[in-house]
Protein backbone atom coordinates (compact mmCIF):
# COMPACT_ATOMS: atom_id res chain seq x y z
CA MET A 1 113.44 92.88 116.72
CA LYS A 2 109.89 91.44 116.64
CA PRO A 3 108.12 90.86 113.35
CA PRO A 4 105.39 93.34 112.42
CA LEU A 5 101.98 92.44 113.74
CA GLN A 6 99.42 91.33 111.23
CA TYR A 7 95.63 90.73 111.59
CA ASP A 8 92.92 89.13 109.52
CA CYS A 9 90.40 91.70 108.22
CA HIS A 10 87.18 89.92 107.33
CA HIS A 11 84.92 90.96 104.44
CA ILE A 12 81.30 91.80 105.20
CA ASP A 13 78.45 91.95 102.69
CA GLU A 14 76.46 94.86 104.28
CA PRO A 15 77.80 98.24 105.43
CA ILE A 16 78.00 99.02 109.15
CA GLU A 17 76.32 102.07 110.45
CA VAL A 18 79.06 104.21 111.98
CA ASP A 19 77.54 105.21 115.31
CA GLY A 20 80.46 104.99 117.84
CA SER A 21 79.43 101.59 119.03
CA LEU A 22 80.75 98.09 118.29
CA GLY A 23 77.25 96.67 118.83
CA ALA A 24 76.41 95.88 115.21
CA PRO A 25 76.31 92.08 114.59
CA GLN A 26 79.00 92.38 111.86
CA TRP A 27 81.53 93.25 114.52
CA GLN A 28 81.31 89.78 115.96
CA GLN A 29 82.89 88.52 112.70
CA ALA A 30 85.94 90.66 113.31
CA GLU A 31 89.03 89.28 115.06
CA LEU A 32 89.57 90.85 118.50
CA ILE A 33 92.94 92.60 118.53
CA SER A 34 94.64 93.41 121.81
CA LEU A 35 96.71 96.48 121.00
CA VAL A 36 100.35 96.81 122.10
CA LEU A 37 102.93 99.54 122.26
CA PRO A 38 104.72 100.27 119.02
CA VAL A 39 108.34 99.11 118.66
CA THR A 40 108.49 97.11 121.99
CA HIS A 41 105.20 95.31 121.46
CA GLU A 42 104.64 95.42 125.17
CA GLU A 43 101.22 95.67 126.81
CA PRO A 44 100.12 99.22 127.51
CA LEU A 45 99.14 100.38 131.02
CA SER A 46 95.48 100.66 129.89
CA LYS A 47 94.05 97.94 127.70
CA THR A 48 92.87 98.79 124.21
CA GLU A 49 91.01 96.48 121.79
CA GLY A 50 90.43 96.91 118.15
CA ARG A 51 88.49 95.25 115.31
CA LEU A 52 88.79 95.52 111.55
CA LEU A 53 86.27 94.72 108.84
CA TRP A 54 85.81 95.72 105.18
CA ASP A 55 83.05 95.80 102.59
CA ASP A 56 83.25 96.72 98.88
CA ARG A 57 83.47 100.43 99.70
CA CYS A 58 84.96 100.94 103.15
CA LEU A 59 87.45 99.80 105.75
CA TYR A 60 85.87 99.75 109.27
CA VAL A 61 88.03 100.23 112.32
CA GLY A 62 86.64 99.97 115.78
CA PHE A 63 88.57 100.72 118.99
CA LYS A 64 87.61 100.20 122.67
CA ALA A 65 89.99 101.97 125.00
CA TYR A 66 89.95 101.42 128.75
CA ASP A 67 92.11 104.48 129.55
CA LYS A 68 91.25 106.04 132.92
CA ASP A 69 93.42 109.15 132.45
CA ILE A 70 93.03 110.40 128.89
CA PHE A 71 94.63 113.69 128.35
CA SER A 72 95.47 116.06 125.45
CA TYR A 73 96.98 119.49 125.31
CA PHE A 74 97.08 120.01 121.59
CA THR A 75 93.99 121.54 120.03
CA GLU A 76 95.15 122.54 116.50
CA ARG A 77 94.33 120.28 113.56
CA ASP A 78 97.37 118.10 112.50
CA SER A 79 99.14 118.70 115.85
CA ARG A 80 101.78 116.25 117.06
CA THR A 81 99.22 114.00 118.71
CA CYS A 82 101.78 111.10 118.78
CA GLU A 83 103.39 112.89 121.71
CA GLU A 84 100.20 112.54 123.87
CA ASP A 85 97.55 109.96 124.74
CA VAL A 86 96.70 108.63 121.24
CA LEU A 87 95.44 105.63 119.34
CA GLU A 88 97.44 105.09 116.15
CA MET A 89 96.79 102.88 113.23
CA PHE A 90 99.39 102.22 110.49
CA LEU A 91 98.30 100.82 107.16
CA LYS A 92 100.74 99.57 104.55
CA PRO A 93 99.01 98.15 101.57
CA GLU A 94 102.10 96.49 100.21
CA ALA A 95 104.71 95.27 102.60
CA ALA A 96 107.64 95.72 100.32
CA LYS A 97 106.68 99.14 98.98
CA ASP A 98 106.03 102.55 100.27
CA PRO A 99 103.89 104.40 101.23
CA TYR A 100 102.31 103.68 104.63
CA TYR A 101 99.42 105.59 106.09
CA ASN A 102 99.28 106.68 109.77
CA PHE A 103 96.00 107.58 111.41
CA GLU A 104 96.05 109.16 114.91
CA ILE A 105 92.99 109.67 117.17
CA ASN A 106 93.06 111.46 120.55
């Protein structure tokens, strides 16, 4: 079994305007993350990149997905999006303790 993936999340002094773009200069301070498939850690068919930053109030997460065939059949809030095309992010503030938080976007 491969070890869990970990990334540096840099602190920024000024908040980022959340506008759906990774064009703000602060994003250049963030480590570029090439996302992989959970469990196997293999590269996905379609490349996806992410970036993480934080300031004194917020955690900023930016994704750029190069998926050419995005699909989704679920339309209800809190549906089982993990069964479809999805970007997932798992946060576990303390490695040795529960809980962890799972965010899914499709």
